[in-house]
């Protein structure tokens, strides 16, 4: 049974949106972790060539994944 809620969406729509949100969060977290790993593997000289310092790695990873 697909009941319509006050907002006009069905229960199925709300459940689908929930799982889509969970999948999106997982995808973004994966991008964050991959960016951290890849940048952390670079030498200080390679980071410097990119205009980065080791202390900036987490901020760059957050920006890549979440736009923050």
N, C-alpha and C. Protein backbone atom coordinates (compact mmCIF):
# COMPACT_ATOMS: atom_id res chain seq x y z
N UNK A 1 0.84 -1.19 0.00
CA UNK A 1 0.00 0.00 0.00
C UNK A 1 0.88 1.24 0.00
N UNK A 2 0.63 2.14 -0.90
CA UNK A 2 1.39 3.38 -1.03
C UNK A 2 0.54 4.54 -0.57
N UNK A 3 0.63 4.90 0.69
CA UNK A 3 -0.19 5.99 1.20
C UNK A 3 0.47 7.32 0.92
N UNK A 4 -0.36 8.32 0.66
CA UNK A 4 0.14 9.66 0.38
C UNK A 4 0.18 10.44 1.69
N UNK A 5 1.31 11.07 1.95
CA UNK A 5 1.46 11.86 3.17
C UNK A 5 1.00 13.28 2.92
N UNK A 6 1.00 14.08 3.96
CA UNK A 6 0.56 15.47 3.84
C UNK A 6 1.40 16.26 2.84
N UNK A 7 2.67 15.92 2.72
CA UNK A 7 3.53 16.67 1.80
C UNK A 7 3.29 16.28 0.35
N UNK A 8 2.44 15.27 0.10
CA UNK A 8 2.13 14.87 -1.26
C UNK A 8 3.00 13.74 -1.78
N UNK A 9 3.97 13.30 -0.99
CA UNK A 9 4.81 12.19 -1.44
C UNK A 9 4.32 10.89 -0.81
N UNK A 10 4.57 9.81 -1.50
CA UNK A 10 4.15 8.52 -0.98
C UNK A 10 5.19 8.01 0.02
N UNK A 11 4.81 7.02 0.77
CA UNK A 11 5.74 6.39 1.70
C UNK A 11 6.93 5.82 0.94
N UNK A 12 6.67 5.24 -0.20
CA UNK A 12 7.74 4.69 -1.04
C UNK A 12 8.72 5.79 -1.45
N UNK A 13 8.20 6.95 -1.83
CA UNK A 13 9.05 8.07 -2.22
C UNK A 13 9.95 8.50 -1.07
N UNK A 14 9.39 8.55 0.13
CA UNK A 14 10.17 8.97 1.30
C UNK A 14 11.24 7.94 1.63
N UNK A 15 10.92 6.66 1.52
CA UNK A 15 11.90 5.60 1.80
C UNK A 15 13.00 5.63 0.73
N UNK A 16 12.60 5.81 -0.53
CA UNK A 16 13.59 5.89 -1.61
C UNK A 16 14.53 7.07 -1.41
N UNK A 17 13.99 8.20 -1.02
CA UNK A 17 14.80 9.39 -0.77
C UNK A 17 15.77 9.16 0.38
N UNK A 18 15.31 8.46 1.41
CA UNK A 18 16.18 8.14 2.54
C UNK A 18 17.38 7.32 2.08
N UNK A 19 17.13 6.25 1.34
CA UNK A 19 18.22 5.38 0.89
C UNK A 19 19.11 6.08 -0.13
N UNK A 20 18.55 6.96 -0.93
CA UNK A 20 19.38 7.74 -1.86
C UNK A 20 20.31 8.66 -1.08
N UNK A 21 19.82 9.23 0.00
CA UNK A 21 20.66 10.08 0.86
C UNK A 21 21.77 9.29 1.52
N UNK A 22 21.45 8.09 1.99
CA UNK A 22 22.47 7.23 2.60
C UNK A 22 23.54 6.87 1.57
N UNK A 23 23.13 6.53 0.37
CA UNK A 23 24.08 6.18 -0.70
C UNK A 23 24.96 7.38 -1.04
N UNK A 24 24.37 8.57 -1.11
CA UNK A 24 25.14 9.77 -1.42
C UNK A 24 26.17 10.06 -0.33
N UNK A 25 25.79 9.89 0.93
CA UNK A 25 26.73 10.11 2.03
C UNK A 25 27.88 9.11 1.96
N UNK A 26 27.58 7.87 1.62
CA UNK A 26 28.63 6.86 1.49
C UNK A 26 29.57 7.17 0.34
N UNK A 27 29.02 7.64 -0.76
CA UNK A 27 29.84 8.00 -1.92
C UNK A 27 30.76 9.17 -1.58
N UNK A 28 30.21 10.17 -0.93
CA UNK A 28 31.01 11.33 -0.55
C UNK A 28 32.11 10.97 0.44
N UNK A 29 31.79 10.11 1.39
CA UNK A 29 32.79 9.68 2.37
C UNK A 29 33.92 8.91 1.67
N UNK A 30 33.56 8.11 0.68
CA UNK A 30 34.56 7.39 -0.09
C UNK A 30 35.50 8.34 -0.83
N UNK A 31 34.95 9.40 -1.39
CA UNK A 31 35.77 10.41 -2.07
C UNK A 31 36.71 11.08 -1.06
N UNK A 32 36.18 11.39 0.11
CA UNK A 32 36.98 12.01 1.17
C UNK A 32 38.15 11.11 1.55
N UNK A 33 37.87 9.83 1.83
CA UNK A 33 38.92 8.90 2.25
C UNK A 33 39.95 8.68 1.13
N UNK A 34 39.50 8.55 -0.11
CA UNK A 34 40.41 8.34 -1.22
C UNK A 34 41.32 9.55 -1.41
N UNK A 35 40.76 10.74 -1.30
CA UNK A 35 41.55 11.96 -1.44
C UNK A 35 42.60 12.04 -0.33
N UNK A 36 42.18 11.72 0.90
CA UNK A 36 43.14 11.70 2.01
C UNK A 36 44.29 10.74 1.73
N UNK A 37 43.95 9.52 1.32
CA UNK A 37 44.98 8.50 1.06
C UNK A 37 45.94 8.95 -0.03
N UNK A 38 45.40 9.46 -1.12
CA UNK A 38 46.24 9.83 -2.25
C UNK A 38 47.15 11.01 -1.92
N UNK A 39 46.61 12.02 -1.25
CA UNK A 39 47.45 13.17 -0.91
C UNK A 39 48.46 12.81 0.17
N UNK A 40 48.07 11.98 1.10
CA UNK A 40 48.99 11.58 2.17
C UNK A 40 50.16 10.76 1.62
N UNK A 41 49.95 10.07 0.52
CA UNK A 41 50.99 9.24 -0.08
C UNK A 41 52.04 10.08 -0.81
N UNK A 42 51.72 11.33 -1.11
CA UNK A 42 52.66 12.20 -1.82
C UNK A 42 53.77 12.68 -0.89
N UNK A 43 54.91 12.94 -1.48
CA UNK A 43 56.02 13.50 -0.70
C UNK A 43 55.74 14.98 -0.44
N UNK A 44 56.47 15.54 0.51
CA UNK A 44 56.32 16.97 0.79
C UNK A 44 56.66 17.80 -0.45
N UNK A 45 57.62 17.35 -1.22
CA UNK A 45 58.00 18.07 -2.44
C UNK A 45 56.86 18.03 -3.46
N UNK A 46 56.22 16.86 -3.63
CA UNK A 46 55.09 16.77 -4.55
C UNK A 46 53.94 17.65 -4.10
N UNK A 47 53.66 17.65 -2.80
CA UNK A 47 52.61 18.52 -2.27
C UNK A 47 52.94 19.99 -2.54
N UNK A 48 54.21 20.34 -2.33
CA UNK A 48 54.64 21.71 -2.57
C UNK A 48 54.44 22.09 -4.03
N UNK A 49 54.71 21.17 -4.94
CA UNK A 49 54.50 21.42 -6.36
C UNK A 49 53.03 21.72 -6.67
N UNK A 50 52.15 21.14 -5.87
CA UNK A 50 50.71 21.38 -6.03
C UNK A 50 50.24 22.61 -5.28
N UNK A 51 51.16 23.25 -4.56
CA UNK A 51 50.80 24.43 -3.78
C UNK A 51 50.15 24.08 -2.45
N UNK A 52 50.43 22.86 -1.96
CA UNK A 52 49.82 22.40 -0.72
C UNK A 52 50.87 22.12 0.33
N UNK A 53 50.44 22.19 1.56
CA UNK A 53 51.27 21.80 2.70
C UNK A 53 50.56 20.61 3.33
N UNK A 54 51.32 19.75 3.98
CA UNK A 54 50.74 18.54 4.58
C UNK A 54 49.57 18.86 5.52
N UNK A 55 49.63 19.98 6.20
CA UNK A 55 48.56 20.37 7.13
C UNK A 55 47.26 20.70 6.40
N UNK A 56 47.31 20.89 5.10
CA UNK A 56 46.13 21.26 4.32
C UNK A 56 45.38 20.06 3.76
N UNK A 57 45.93 18.87 3.90
CA UNK A 57 45.36 17.69 3.26
C UNK A 57 43.91 17.45 3.68
N UNK A 58 43.62 17.51 4.95
CA UNK A 58 42.25 17.24 5.40
C UNK A 58 41.27 18.27 4.83
N UNK A 59 41.67 19.54 4.82
CA UNK A 59 40.79 20.57 4.26
C UNK A 59 40.53 20.35 2.78
N UNK A 60 41.56 19.95 2.04
CA UNK A 60 41.40 19.68 0.61
C UNK A 60 40.46 18.49 0.40
N UNK A 61 40.61 17.45 1.22
CA UNK A 61 39.75 16.28 1.10
C UNK A 61 38.30 16.63 1.41
N UNK A 62 38.08 17.45 2.43
CA UNK A 62 36.71 17.87 2.76
C UNK A 62 36.11 18.67 1.61
N UNK A 63 36.91 19.56 1.03
CA UNK A 63 36.44 20.35 -0.10
C UNK A 63 36.08 19.47 -1.29
N UNK A 64 36.92 18.48 -1.55
CA UNK A 64 36.69 17.58 -2.68
C UNK A 64 35.40 16.79 -2.52
N UNK A 65 35.14 16.34 -1.31
CA UNK A 65 33.98 15.47 -1.08
C UNK A 65 32.70 16.22 -0.77
N UNK A 66 32.80 17.26 0.03
CA UNK A 66 31.61 17.91 0.55
C UNK A 66 31.45 19.36 0.11
N UNK A 67 32.47 19.90 -0.55
CA UNK A 67 32.39 21.30 -0.97
C UNK A 67 32.49 22.27 0.18
N UNK A 68 33.13 21.82 1.28
CA UNK A 68 33.24 22.69 2.47
C UNK A 68 34.60 23.32 2.53
